[in-house]
Amino acid sequence: MHADTQGIALVTGASRGLGFAMAEALAGRFHILAVARTVGALEELDDRIKARGGSATLAPVDLTEPGAVAHICRSIFDRWGRLDLLVHAAIHAAPLSPTGHIDAKDWARSVAVNATLTHELIAGTDPLLRQSERGTAVFFDDARAGQKFFGAYGATKAAQMALARSWQAEGARTGPRVLVETPPPMPTATRARFFPGEDRGTLTSPATVAAGIAARL
């Protein structure tokens, strides 16, 4: 199926974890615009998507760079005139730290990726999603707000969720549809940083979680 007649899905954080799994699960039904900073992982994703009979456009960029989101959104508009699905899986997992000792650079990066980027993506994709009859955005909630040592991650992830849920409420009647999913614990790199000694064999694979979410879209 040609990309122009498929759904168009923008997936952030597509180089690993749930973002990678979502991009692969959606392949075939959607042309995947896969965004991440890691070129090699995106190329592996492209191979997986092609093996499923799908197609992808790879965008190895840091979306926190000035103008990056605007450029991506303009490119989507120029090529397709709409966006059918946004899957926002990009995240910065700052090291666990007592709140009074959060590193300034880790805090700034957490704000940039988890909060500011979310705002820019909402602002940039809202008009594109409105051009689709089925425009949908998907976010993932694991904020951990208030848990000890999760100050940077919890605060900025909670900010992301506040933005997403406000957008969800605002579009309840007029669209776009906004879904906030709460995935079960998965053996991702992010979780490994938080719980390095955990038995990963008891966790749910990102592929299984992605398949379930994709089936509901």
N, C-alpha and C. Protein backbone atom coordinates (compact mmCIF):
# COMPACT_ATOMS: atom_id res chain seq x y z
N MET A 1 0.86 -1.20 0.00
CA MET A 1 0.00 0.00 0.00
C MET A 1 0.89 1.24 0.00
N HIS A 2 0.61 2.17 -0.85
CA HIS A 2 1.42 3.38 -0.96
C HIS A 2 1.21 4.27 0.26
N ALA A 3 2.29 4.99 0.67
CA ALA A 3 2.23 5.82 1.87
C ALA A 3 1.13 6.87 1.79
N ASP A 4 0.85 7.37 0.58
CA ASP A 4 -0.14 8.43 0.45
C ASP A 4 -1.56 7.93 0.71
N THR A 5 -1.79 6.60 0.61
CA THR A 5 -3.13 6.06 0.86
C THR A 5 -3.22 5.35 2.21
N GLN A 6 -2.11 5.24 2.89
CA GLN A 6 -2.09 4.67 4.24
C GLN A 6 -2.35 5.76 5.27
N GLY A 7 -2.55 5.31 6.51
CA GLY A 7 -2.48 6.26 7.61
C GLY A 7 -1.04 6.71 7.79
N ILE A 8 -0.88 7.89 8.34
CA ILE A 8 0.45 8.44 8.60
C ILE A 8 0.63 8.53 10.11
N ALA A 9 1.68 7.86 10.62
CA ALA A 9 1.92 7.84 12.06
C ALA A 9 3.29 8.42 12.38
N LEU A 10 3.33 9.38 13.26
CA LEU A 10 4.58 9.95 13.77
C LEU A 10 4.87 9.29 15.12
N VAL A 11 6.01 8.63 15.23
CA VAL A 11 6.39 7.94 16.46
C VAL A 11 7.69 8.54 16.97
N THR A 12 7.67 9.12 18.16
CA THR A 12 8.89 9.64 18.77
C THR A 12 9.48 8.58 19.69
N GLY A 13 10.78 8.69 19.94
CA GLY A 13 11.44 7.67 20.75
C GLY A 13 11.40 6.31 20.09
N ALA A 14 11.51 6.29 18.75
CA ALA A 14 11.28 5.07 17.99
C ALA A 14 12.49 4.15 17.91
N SER A 15 13.60 4.50 18.54
CA SER A 15 14.81 3.70 18.40
C SER A 15 14.89 2.55 19.39
N ARG A 16 14.03 2.53 20.42
CA ARG A 16 14.12 1.47 21.42
C ARG A 16 12.83 1.40 22.24
N GLY A 17 12.75 0.36 23.05
CA GLY A 17 11.65 0.25 24.01
C GLY A 17 10.28 0.26 23.37
N LEU A 18 9.36 0.92 24.05
CA LEU A 18 7.97 0.92 23.60
C LEU A 18 7.79 1.70 22.30
N GLY A 19 8.58 2.74 22.09
CA GLY A 19 8.49 3.49 20.83
C GLY A 19 8.84 2.61 19.64
N PHE A 20 9.93 1.86 19.75
CA PHE A 20 10.35 0.91 18.71
C PHE A 20 9.24 -0.12 18.47
N ALA A 21 8.73 -0.68 19.57
CA ALA A 21 7.71 -1.72 19.45
C ALA A 21 6.42 -1.18 18.84
N MET A 22 6.03 0.05 19.20
CA MET A 22 4.82 0.64 18.63
C MET A 22 4.99 0.87 17.13
N ALA A 23 6.14 1.38 16.73
CA ALA A 23 6.38 1.62 15.31
C ALA A 23 6.28 0.32 14.52
N GLU A 24 6.86 -0.74 15.06
CA GLU A 24 6.81 -2.04 14.38
C GLU A 24 5.38 -2.59 14.35
N ALA A 25 4.66 -2.45 15.45
CA ALA A 25 3.29 -2.98 15.53
C ALA A 25 2.34 -2.27 14.58
N LEU A 26 2.60 -1.00 14.32
CA LEU A 26 1.72 -0.21 13.46
C LEU A 26 2.05 -0.34 11.98
N ALA A 27 3.19 -0.95 11.67
CA ALA A 27 3.65 -1.06 10.28
C ALA A 27 2.63 -1.81 9.44
N GLY A 28 2.43 -1.32 8.24
CA GLY A 28 1.45 -1.91 7.33
C GLY A 28 0.16 -1.12 7.33
N ARG A 29 -0.38 -0.89 8.52
CA ARG A 29 -1.58 -0.06 8.63
C ARG A 29 -1.25 1.41 8.46
N PHE A 30 -0.03 1.77 8.87
CA PHE A 30 0.42 3.16 8.79
C PHE A 30 1.79 3.24 8.12
N HIS A 31 2.02 4.33 7.40
CA HIS A 31 3.38 4.67 7.03
C HIS A 31 3.99 5.32 8.27
N ILE A 32 5.13 4.81 8.72
CA ILE A 32 5.72 5.23 9.98
C ILE A 32 6.77 6.32 9.75
N LEU A 33 6.58 7.46 10.38
CA LEU A 33 7.62 8.49 10.44
C LEU A 33 8.30 8.30 11.79
N ALA A 34 9.44 7.65 11.78
CA ALA A 34 10.13 7.24 13.00
C ALA A 34 11.20 8.26 13.38
N VAL A 35 11.08 8.81 14.58
CA VAL A 35 11.99 9.86 15.03
C VAL A 35 12.75 9.39 16.27
N ALA A 36 14.06 9.54 16.23
CA ALA A 36 14.93 9.24 17.37
C ALA A 36 16.31 9.79 17.04
N ARG A 37 17.18 9.77 18.03
CA ARG A 37 18.53 10.29 17.81
C ARG A 37 19.51 9.23 17.32
N THR A 38 19.18 7.94 17.45
CA THR A 38 20.11 6.86 17.17
C THR A 38 19.88 6.30 15.77
N VAL A 39 20.81 6.56 14.87
CA VAL A 39 20.65 6.18 13.47
C VAL A 39 20.60 4.67 13.31
N GLY A 40 21.55 3.96 13.94
CA GLY A 40 21.62 2.51 13.78
C GLY A 40 20.35 1.81 14.20
N ALA A 41 19.78 2.23 15.31
CA ALA A 41 18.55 1.61 15.80
C ALA A 41 17.38 1.90 14.86
N LEU A 42 17.35 3.09 14.29
CA LEU A 42 16.30 3.41 13.33
C LEU A 42 16.42 2.55 12.07
N GLU A 43 17.64 2.28 11.66
CA GLU A 43 17.84 1.43 10.49
C GLU A 43 17.38 0.00 10.77
N GLU A 44 17.62 -0.47 12.00
CA GLU A 44 17.12 -1.79 12.39
C GLU A 44 15.59 -1.80 12.38
N LEU A 45 14.98 -0.73 12.87
CA LEU A 45 13.53 -0.62 12.84
C LEU A 45 13.02 -0.64 11.41
N ASP A 46 13.69 0.06 10.53
CA ASP A 46 13.29 0.10 9.12
C ASP A 46 13.29 -1.31 8.52
N ASP A 47 14.30 -2.10 8.87
CA ASP A 47 14.37 -3.49 8.38
C ASP A 47 13.18 -4.29 8.91
N ARG A 48 12.84 -4.10 10.18
CA ARG A 48 11.71 -4.82 10.78
C ARG A 48 10.40 -4.43 10.10
N ILE A 49 10.24 -3.14 9.84
CA ILE A 49 9.02 -2.64 9.22
C ILE A 49 8.88 -3.20 7.80
N LYS A 50 9.97 -3.19 7.05
CA LYS A 50 9.93 -3.73 5.69
C LYS A 50 9.61 -5.22 5.70
N ALA A 51 10.12 -5.94 6.70
CA ALA A 51 9.84 -7.38 6.81
C ALA A 51 8.37 -7.65 7.04
N ARG A 52 7.67 -6.67 7.62
CA ARG A 52 6.23 -6.80 7.84
C ARG A 52 5.41 -6.26 6.68
N GLY A 53 6.09 -5.87 5.61
CA GLY A 53 5.40 -5.33 4.45
C GLY A 53 5.03 -3.88 4.57
N GLY A 54 5.62 -3.18 5.53
CA GLY A 54 5.31 -1.77 5.75
C GLY A 54 6.37 -0.85 5.19
N SER A 55 6.20 0.42 5.44
CA SER A 55 7.15 1.42 4.95
C SER A 55 7.37 2.48 6.03
N ALA A 56 8.53 3.12 5.96
CA ALA A 56 8.87 4.10 6.98
C ALA A 56 9.71 5.22 6.39
N THR A 57 9.63 6.36 7.03
CA THR A 57 10.55 7.47 6.79
C THR A 57 11.31 7.67 8.08
N LEU A 58 12.63 7.62 8.01
CA LEU A 58 13.46 7.73 9.20
C LEU A 58 13.91 9.17 9.40
N ALA A 59 13.79 9.65 10.63
CA ALA A 59 14.19 11.02 10.96
C ALA A 59 15.12 10.98 12.17
N PRO A 60 16.43 10.83 11.95
CA PRO A 60 17.38 10.79 13.07
C PRO A 60 17.71 12.20 13.56
N VAL A 61 16.84 12.74 14.39
CA VAL A 61 17.01 14.11 14.87
C VAL A 61 16.72 14.18 16.37
N ASP A 62 17.28 15.20 17.00
CA ASP A 62 16.98 15.52 18.39
C ASP A 62 15.86 16.56 18.37
N LEU A 63 14.67 16.15 18.76
CA LEU A 63 13.51 17.03 18.67
C LEU A 63 13.57 18.21 19.63
N THR A 64 14.52 18.19 20.57
CA THR A 64 14.65 19.34 21.47
C THR A 64 15.48 20.47 20.86
N GLU A 65 16.11 20.21 19.72
CA GLU A 65 16.86 21.27 19.05
C GLU A 65 15.89 22.34 18.54
N PRO A 66 16.27 23.61 18.61
CA PRO A 66 15.37 24.69 18.17
C PRO A 66 14.88 24.47 16.73
N GLY A 67 13.59 24.53 16.54
CA GLY A 67 13.00 24.43 15.21
C GLY A 67 12.79 23.01 14.72
N ALA A 68 13.26 21.99 15.48
CA ALA A 68 13.17 20.61 14.98
C ALA A 68 11.73 20.14 14.84
N VAL A 69 10.89 20.40 15.84
CA VAL A 69 9.49 19.97 15.78
C VAL A 69 8.76 20.70 14.65
N ALA A 70 9.00 21.99 14.55
CA ALA A 70 8.35 22.77 13.49
C ALA A 70 8.75 22.24 12.11
N HIS A 71 10.01 21.86 11.95
CA HIS A 71 10.47 21.33 10.67
C HIS A 71 9.79 20.00 10.34
N ILE A 72 9.71 19.10 11.34
CA ILE A 72 9.05 17.81 11.14
C ILE A 72 7.59 18.01 10.75
N CYS A 73 6.91 18.88 11.48
CA CYS A 73 5.48 19.10 11.22
C CYS A 73 5.25 19.74 9.86
N ARG A 74 6.11 20.67 9.49
CA ARG A 74 6.00 21.30 8.16
C ARG A 74 6.23 20.26 7.07
N SER A 75 7.19 19.36 7.28
CA SER A 75 7.46 18.32 6.29
C SER A 75 6.27 17.38 6.14
N ILE A 76 5.62 17.05 7.26
CA ILE A 76 4.42 16.20 7.20
C ILE A 76 3.32 16.90 6.40
N PHE A 77 3.13 18.18 6.68
CA PHE A 77 2.08 18.92 5.96
C PHE A 77 2.38 19.00 4.47
N ASP A 78 3.63 19.29 4.14
CA ASP A 78 3.99 19.44 2.73
C ASP A 78 3.84 18.13 1.97
N ARG A 79 4.14 17.01 2.62
CA ARG A 79 4.11 15.72 1.92
C ARG A 79 2.73 15.07 1.92
N TRP A 80 2.03 15.14 3.09
CA TRP A 80 0.77 14.41 3.22
C TRP A 80 -0.43 15.29 3.53
N GLY A 81 -0.20 16.48 4.06
CA GLY A 81 -1.30 17.38 4.37
C GLY A 81 -2.07 17.04 5.62
N ARG A 82 -1.64 15.99 6.33
CA ARG A 82 -2.36 15.56 7.52
C ARG A 82 -1.47 14.63 8.32
N LEU A 83 -1.89 14.35 9.55
CA LEU A 83 -1.28 13.32 10.38
C LEU A 83 -2.43 12.52 11.00
N ASP A 84 -2.36 11.20 10.92
CA ASP A 84 -3.43 10.36 11.47
C ASP A 84 -3.15 9.91 12.90
N LEU A 85 -1.88 9.78 13.24
CA LEU A 85 -1.54 9.24 14.56
C LEU A 85 -0.22 9.80 15.06
N LEU A 86 -0.22 10.28 16.29
CA LEU A 86 1.00 10.65 17.01
C LEU A 86 1.18 9.67 18.16
N VAL A 87 2.33 9.04 18.24
CA VAL A 87 2.69 8.19 19.38
C VAL A 87 3.93 8.81 20.01
N HIS A 88 3.75 9.39 21.19
CA HIS A 88 4.85 10.11 21.83
C HIS A 88 5.48 9.24 22.92
N ALA A 89 6.58 8.57 22.54
CA ALA A 89 7.26 7.67 23.47
C ALA A 89 8.63 8.19 23.91
N ALA A 90 9.08 9.30 23.33
CA ALA A 90 10.39 9.84 23.71
C ALA A 90 10.36 10.28 25.17
N ILE A 91 11.43 9.97 25.88
CA ILE A 91 11.49 10.30 27.30
C ILE A 91 12.94 10.46 27.73
N HIS A 92 13.17 11.29 28.72
CA HIS A 92 14.50 11.37 29.35
C HIS A 92 14.37 10.86 30.77
N ALA A 93 15.13 9.83 31.08
CA ALA A 93 15.10 9.24 32.43
C ALA A 93 16.34 9.69 33.18
N ALA A 94 16.19 10.74 33.95
CA ALA A 94 17.31 11.24 34.75
C ALA A 94 17.67 10.21 35.82
N PRO A 95 18.94 10.14 36.22
CA PRO A 95 19.32 9.22 37.30
C PRO A 95 18.54 9.50 38.58
N LEU A 96 18.23 8.46 39.31
CA LEU A 96 17.56 8.63 40.58
C LEU A 96 18.46 9.43 41.52
N SER A 97 17.83 10.34 42.26
CA SER A 97 18.60 11.24 43.11
C SER A 97 17.71 11.83 44.18
N PRO A 98 18.25 12.08 45.38
CA PRO A 98 17.48 12.88 46.34
C PRO A 98 17.11 14.21 45.72
N THR A 99 15.93 14.67 46.00
CA THR A 99 15.42 15.87 45.34
C THR A 99 16.36 17.06 45.49
N GLY A 100 16.97 17.21 46.64
CA GLY A 100 17.87 18.33 46.86
C GLY A 100 19.20 18.22 46.16
N HIS A 101 19.44 17.08 45.51
CA HIS A 101 20.73 16.85 44.84
C HIS A 101 20.56 16.56 43.35
N ILE A 102 19.42 16.89 42.78
CA ILE A 102 19.22 16.67 41.34
C ILE A 102 20.22 17.52 40.56
N ASP A 103 20.94 16.88 39.66
CA ASP A 103 21.92 17.59 38.84
C ASP A 103 21.23 18.60 37.93
N ALA A 104 21.79 19.79 37.83
CA ALA A 104 21.16 20.85 37.04
C ALA A 104 21.01 20.47 35.57
N LYS A 105 22.01 19.79 35.01
CA LYS A 105 21.92 19.39 33.60
C LYS A 105 20.85 18.32 33.41
N ASP A 106 20.75 17.39 34.36
CA ASP A 106 19.71 16.36 34.26
C ASP A 106 18.32 16.98 34.39
N TRP A 107 18.20 17.97 35.27
CA TRP A 107 16.91 18.65 35.41
C TRP A 107 16.54 19.37 34.12
N ALA A 108 17.50 20.10 33.55
CA ALA A 108 17.22 20.86 32.32
C ALA A 108 16.85 19.93 31.17
N ARG A 109 17.55 18.80 31.06
CA ARG A 109 17.24 17.84 30.00
C ARG A 109 15.88 17.21 30.23
N SER A 110 15.54 16.91 31.48
CA SER A 110 14.24 16.34 31.80
C SER A 110 13.12 17.29 31.42
N VAL A 111 13.28 18.56 31.73
CA VAL A 111 12.27 19.56 31.37
C VAL A 111 12.15 19.67 29.85
N ALA A 112 13.31 19.69 29.17
CA ALA A 112 13.30 19.86 27.71
C ALA A 112 12.61 18.71 27.00
N VAL A 113 12.92 17.47 27.40
CA VAL A 113 12.38 16.30 26.71
C VAL A 113 10.98 15.96 27.17
N ASN A 114 10.77 15.93 28.48
CA ASN A 114 9.52 15.41 29.01
C ASN A 114 8.38 16.43 29.02
N ALA A 115 8.73 17.71 29.15
CA ALA A 115 7.70 18.74 29.24
C ALA A 115 7.65 19.65 28.01
N THR A 116 8.76 20.36 27.75
CA THR A 116 8.75 21.34 26.66
C THR A 116 8.50 20.68 25.31
N LEU A 117 9.14 19.54 25.06
CA LEU A 117 8.92 18.84 23.79
C LEU A 117 7.47 18.42 23.63
N THR A 118 6.86 17.98 24.71
CA THR A 118 5.44 17.60 24.65
C THR A 118 4.58 18.77 24.23
N HIS A 119 4.84 19.94 24.82
CA HIS A 119 4.09 21.14 24.44
C HIS A 119 4.29 21.45 22.96
N GLU A 120 5.52 21.38 22.48
CA GLU A 120 5.79 21.71 21.08
C GLU A 120 5.13 20.71 20.14
N LEU A 121 5.13 19.44 20.52
CA LEU A 121 4.50 18.42 19.68
C LEU A 121 2.99 18.62 19.62
N ILE A 122 2.39 18.93 20.75
CA ILE A 122 0.95 19.18 20.75
C ILE A 122 0.62 20.37 19.86
N ALA A 123 1.37 21.45 20.03
CA ALA A 123 1.12 22.65 19.23
C ALA A 123 1.33 22.39 17.74
N GLY A 124 2.36 21.60 17.42
CA GLY A 124 2.68 21.36 16.02
C GLY A 124 1.79 20.34 15.34
N THR A 125 1.35 19.32 16.08
CA THR A 125 0.57 18.25 15.45
C THR A 125 -0.94 18.45 15.54
N ASP A 126 -1.39 19.29 16.45
CA ASP A 126 -2.84 19.50 16.59
C ASP A 126 -3.51 19.87 15.26
N PRO A 127 -3.00 20.86 14.51
CA PRO A 127 -3.66 21.17 13.23
C PRO A 127 -3.53 20.05 12.21
N LEU A 128 -2.45 19.28 12.26
CA LEU A 128 -2.28 18.16 11.33
C LEU A 128 -3.25 17.03 11.64
N LEU A 129 -3.42 16.73 12.92
CA LEU A 129 -4.36 15.68 13.33
C LEU A 129 -5.80 16.07 13.02
N ARG A 130 -6.09 17.35 13.06
CA ARG A 130 -7.44 17.82 12.74
C ARG A 130 -7.78 17.68 11.26
N GLN A 131 -6.76 17.51 10.44
CA GLN A 131 -6.99 17.30 9.00
C GLN A 131 -7.31 15.84 8.70
N SER A 132 -7.23 14.98 9.71
CA SER A 132 -7.54 13.56 9.55
C SER A 132 -8.89 13.25 10.17
N GLU A 133 -9.64 12.37 9.54
CA GLU A 133 -10.93 11.97 10.10
C GLU A 133 -10.77 11.14 11.36
N ARG A 134 -9.58 10.59 11.57
CA ARG A 134 -9.34 9.71 12.72
C ARG A 134 -8.14 10.16 13.54
N GLY A 135 -7.82 11.43 13.50
CA GLY A 135 -6.62 11.93 14.18
C GLY A 135 -6.58 11.53 15.65
N THR A 136 -5.50 10.86 16.04
CA THR A 136 -5.35 10.33 17.40
C THR A 136 -3.93 10.56 17.89
N ALA A 137 -3.81 10.90 19.16
CA ALA A 137 -2.50 11.02 19.81
C ALA A 137 -2.45 10.06 21.00
N VAL A 138 -1.32 9.42 21.20
CA VAL A 138 -1.15 8.44 22.28
C VAL A 138 0.02 8.85 23.16
N PHE A 139 -0.22 8.88 24.47
CA PHE A 139 0.80 9.17 25.46
C PHE A 139 0.86 8.02 26.46
N PHE A 140 1.94 7.96 27.23
CA PHE A 140 2.15 6.86 28.16
C PHE A 140 2.39 7.41 29.56
N ASP A 141 1.58 6.95 30.51
CA ASP A 141 1.60 7.49 31.87
C ASP A 141 2.34 6.54 32.82
N ASP A 142 3.46 7.00 33.33
CA ASP A 142 4.15 6.30 34.42
C ASP A 142 4.88 7.36 35.26
N ALA A 143 4.14 8.39 35.63
CA ALA A 143 4.75 9.62 36.16
C ALA A 143 5.55 9.42 37.43
N ARG A 144 5.12 8.54 38.32
CA ARG A 144 5.82 8.32 39.59
C ARG A 144 5.96 9.60 40.41
N ALA A 145 5.06 10.52 40.22
CA ALA A 145 5.12 11.79 40.95
C ALA A 145 5.04 11.54 42.45
N GLY A 146 5.97 12.12 43.19
CA GLY A 146 5.96 12.00 44.64
C GLY A 146 6.72 10.82 45.19
N GLN A 147 7.18 9.91 44.32
CA GLN A 147 7.96 8.79 44.82
C GLN A 147 9.39 9.24 45.15
N LYS A 148 9.97 8.68 46.19
CA LYS A 148 11.31 9.12 46.58
C LYS A 148 12.34 8.82 45.50
N PHE A 149 13.22 9.77 45.31
CA PHE A 149 14.33 9.73 44.35
C PHE A 149 13.89 9.89 42.89
N PHE A 150 12.59 10.02 42.65
CA PHE A 150 12.09 10.22 41.29
C PHE A 150 11.74 11.69 41.02
N GLY A 151 12.33 12.62 41.75
CA GLY A 151 11.94 14.02 41.64
C GLY A 151 11.98 14.57 40.23
N ALA A 152 13.10 14.41 39.53
CA ALA A 152 13.24 14.97 38.18
C ALA A 152 12.31 14.27 37.19
N TYR A 153 12.34 12.94 37.20
CA TYR A 153 11.49 12.20 36.28
C TYR A 153 10.02 12.38 36.62
N GLY A 154 9.69 12.24 37.89
CA GLY A 154 8.29 12.33 38.30
C GLY A 154 7.68 13.69 38.02
N ALA A 155 8.42 14.76 38.31
CA ALA A 155 7.88 16.11 38.12
C ALA A 155 7.67 16.42 36.65
N THR A 156 8.63 16.07 35.81
CA THR A 156 8.52 16.43 34.39
C THR A 156 7.59 15.48 33.64
N LYS A 157 7.52 14.22 34.06
CA LYS A 157 6.56 13.30 33.46
C LYS A 157 5.15 13.70 33.85
N ALA A 158 4.96 14.16 35.09
CA ALA A 158 3.65 14.64 35.52
C ALA A 158 3.23 15.86 34.72
N ALA A 159 4.19 16.72 34.39
CA ALA A 159 3.90 17.88 33.54
C ALA A 159 3.44 17.42 32.17
N GLN A 160 4.10 16.40 31.63
CA GLN A 160 3.69 15.84 30.34
C GLN A 160 2.26 15.34 30.40
N MET A 161 1.93 14.62 31.47
CA MET A 161 0.59 14.07 31.60
C MET A 161 -0.46 15.17 31.76
N ALA A 162 -0.09 16.24 32.46
CA ALA A 162 -1.03 17.36 32.61
C ALA A 162 -1.34 17.98 31.25
N LEU A 163 -0.32 18.15 30.43
CA LEU A 163 -0.53 18.69 29.08
C LEU A 163 -1.40 17.75 28.25
N ALA A 164 -1.07 16.46 28.29
CA ALA A 164 -1.82 15.49 27.49
C ALA A 164 -3.28 15.40 27.92
N ARG A 165 -3.52 15.40 29.21
CA ARG A 165 -4.90 15.26 29.68
C ARG A 165 -5.72 16.53 29.45
N SER A 166 -5.07 17.69 29.50
CA SER A 166 -5.78 18.92 29.14
C SER A 166 -6.17 18.90 27.67
N TRP A 167 -5.24 18.48 26.83
CA TRP A 167 -5.51 18.36 25.39
C TRP A 167 -6.63 17.35 25.15
N GLN A 168 -6.60 16.27 25.91
CA GLN A 168 -7.65 15.24 25.81
C GLN A 168 -9.01 15.82 26.13
N ALA A 169 -9.09 16.58 27.22
CA ALA A 169 -10.37 17.16 27.62
C ALA A 169 -10.86 18.20 26.62
N GLU A 170 -9.93 18.98 26.10
CA GLU A 170 -10.30 20.05 25.15
C GLU A 170 -10.83 19.48 23.84
N GLY A 171 -10.35 18.30 23.46
CA GLY A 171 -10.77 17.71 22.19
C GLY A 171 -11.82 16.63 22.32
N ALA A 172 -12.43 16.53 23.49
CA ALA A 172 -13.39 15.44 23.73
C ALA A 172 -14.52 15.44 22.70
N ARG A 173 -14.96 16.61 22.28
CA ARG A 173 -16.05 16.70 21.30
C ARG A 173 -15.57 17.02 19.89
N THR A 174 -14.51 17.79 19.79
CA THR A 174 -14.08 18.28 18.48
C THR A 174 -12.86 17.57 17.93
N GLY A 175 -12.17 16.75 18.76
CA GLY A 175 -10.95 16.10 18.34
C GLY A 175 -9.75 17.06 18.44
N PRO A 176 -8.58 16.52 18.25
CA PRO A 176 -8.28 15.11 17.99
C PRO A 176 -8.48 14.25 19.23
N ARG A 177 -8.62 12.95 19.00
CA ARG A 177 -8.75 12.00 20.10
C ARG A 177 -7.39 11.83 20.77
N VAL A 178 -7.36 11.91 22.07
CA VAL A 178 -6.11 11.74 22.83
C VAL A 178 -6.27 10.58 23.79
N LEU A 179 -5.38 9.61 23.68
CA LEU A 179 -5.39 8.44 24.54
C LEU A 179 -4.19 8.48 25.48
N VAL A 180 -4.42 8.20 26.75
CA VAL A 180 -3.34 8.11 27.73
C VAL A 180 -3.31 6.67 28.23
N GLU A 181 -2.28 5.94 27.85
CA GLU A 181 -2.14 4.54 28.20
C GLU A 181 -1.22 4.39 29.42
N THR A 182 -1.50 3.39 30.25
CA THR A 182 -0.64 3.08 31.40
C THR A 182 -0.08 1.68 31.21
N PRO A 183 1.09 1.57 30.60
CA PRO A 183 1.64 0.25 30.32
C PRO A 183 2.07 -0.47 31.59
N PRO A 184 2.06 -1.80 31.56
CA PRO A 184 2.61 -2.57 32.69
C PRO A 184 4.14 -2.44 32.69
N PRO A 185 4.81 -2.82 33.75
CA PRO A 185 6.28 -2.78 33.77
C PRO A 185 6.88 -3.58 32.62
N MET A 186 7.83 -2.98 31.92
CA MET A 186 8.45 -3.61 30.76
C MET A 186 9.96 -3.61 30.93
N PRO A 187 10.67 -4.56 30.32
CA PRO A 187 12.13 -4.62 30.44
C PRO A 187 12.82 -3.65 29.48
N THR A 188 12.57 -2.37 29.66
CA THR A 188 13.16 -1.35 28.81
C THR A 188 14.44 -0.80 29.44
N ALA A 189 15.20 -0.06 28.65
CA ALA A 189 16.42 0.56 29.16
C ALA A 189 16.10 1.58 30.24
N THR A 190 14.99 2.28 30.08
CA THR A 190 14.58 3.26 31.09
C THR A 190 14.33 2.59 32.43
N ARG A 191 13.58 1.50 32.41
CA ARG A 191 13.29 0.82 33.67
C ARG A 191 14.55 0.21 34.28
N ALA A 192 15.45 -0.28 33.42
CA ALA A 192 16.69 -0.87 33.92
C ALA A 192 17.53 0.16 34.68
N ARG A 193 17.44 1.42 34.26
CA ARG A 193 18.17 2.47 34.96
C ARG A 193 17.57 2.71 36.34
N PHE A 194 16.28 2.56 36.45
CA PHE A 194 15.60 2.79 37.72
C PHE A 194 15.69 1.58 38.66
N PHE A 195 15.61 0.37 38.10
CA PHE A 195 15.58 -0.85 38.91
C PHE A 195 16.60 -1.85 38.35
N PRO A 196 17.90 -1.58 38.54
CA PRO A 196 18.93 -2.40 37.90
C PRO A 196 18.99 -3.84 38.36
N GLY A 197 18.53 -4.15 39.56
CA GLY A 197 18.60 -5.52 40.06
C GLY A 197 17.34 -6.33 39.88
N GLU A 198 16.39 -5.79 39.14
CA GLU A 198 15.08 -6.43 38.98
C GLU A 198 15.15 -7.68 38.10
N ASP A 199 14.31 -8.66 38.39
CA ASP A 199 14.18 -9.84 37.54
C ASP A 199 13.37 -9.45 36.31
N ARG A 200 14.05 -9.25 35.19
CA ARG A 200 13.39 -8.76 33.98
C ARG A 200 12.52 -9.83 33.33
N GLY A 201 12.73 -11.07 33.73
CA GLY A 201 11.92 -12.15 33.16
C GLY A 201 10.47 -12.11 33.57
N THR A 202 10.15 -11.36 34.61
CA THR A 202 8.76 -11.26 35.08
C THR A 202 8.00 -10.12 34.42
N LEU A 203 8.69 -9.32 33.61
CA LEU A 203 8.08 -8.12 33.02
C LEU A 203 7.44 -8.43 31.67
N THR A 204 6.54 -7.56 31.26
CA THR A 204 5.83 -7.72 29.98
C THR A 204 6.64 -7.10 28.85
N SER A 205 6.82 -7.81 27.76
CA SER A 205 7.64 -7.30 26.67
C SER A 205 6.98 -6.09 26.01
N PRO A 206 7.79 -5.13 25.54
CA PRO A 206 7.22 -3.99 24.81
C PRO A 206 6.41 -4.42 23.59
N ALA A 207 6.83 -5.49 22.93
CA ALA A 207 6.09 -5.96 21.75
C ALA A 207 4.67 -6.37 22.11
N THR A 208 4.52 -7.04 23.25
CA THR A 208 3.19 -7.47 23.70
C THR A 208 2.33 -6.26 24.04
N VAL A 209 2.92 -5.31 24.74
CA VAL A 209 2.18 -4.09 25.12
C VAL A 209 1.78 -3.32 23.86
N ALA A 210 2.73 -3.18 22.92
CA ALA A 210 2.46 -2.43 21.70
C ALA A 210 1.36 -3.08 20.86
N ALA A 211 1.38 -4.39 20.79
CA ALA A 211 0.35 -5.10 20.01
C ALA A 211 -1.03 -4.84 20.58
N GLY A 212 -1.14 -4.83 21.89
CA GLY A 212 -2.44 -4.56 22.52
C GLY A 212 -2.93 -3.15 22.26
N ILE A 213 -2.03 -2.18 22.35
CA ILE A 213 -2.42 -0.78 22.10
C ILE A 213 -2.77 -0.59 20.64
N ALA A 214 -1.94 -1.15 19.75
CA ALA A 214 -2.20 -1.00 18.31
C ALA A 214 -3.54 -1.58 17.92
N ALA A 215 -3.92 -2.69 18.56
CA ALA A 215 -5.20 -3.33 18.24
C ALA A 215 -6.38 -2.46 18.61
N ARG A 216 -6.19 -1.57 19.57
CA ARG A 216 -7.29 -0.72 20.03
C ARG A 216 -7.40 0.58 19.22
N LEU A 217 -6.44 0.87 18.41
CA LEU A 217 -6.45 2.12 17.64
C LEU A 217 -7.37 2.00 16.42
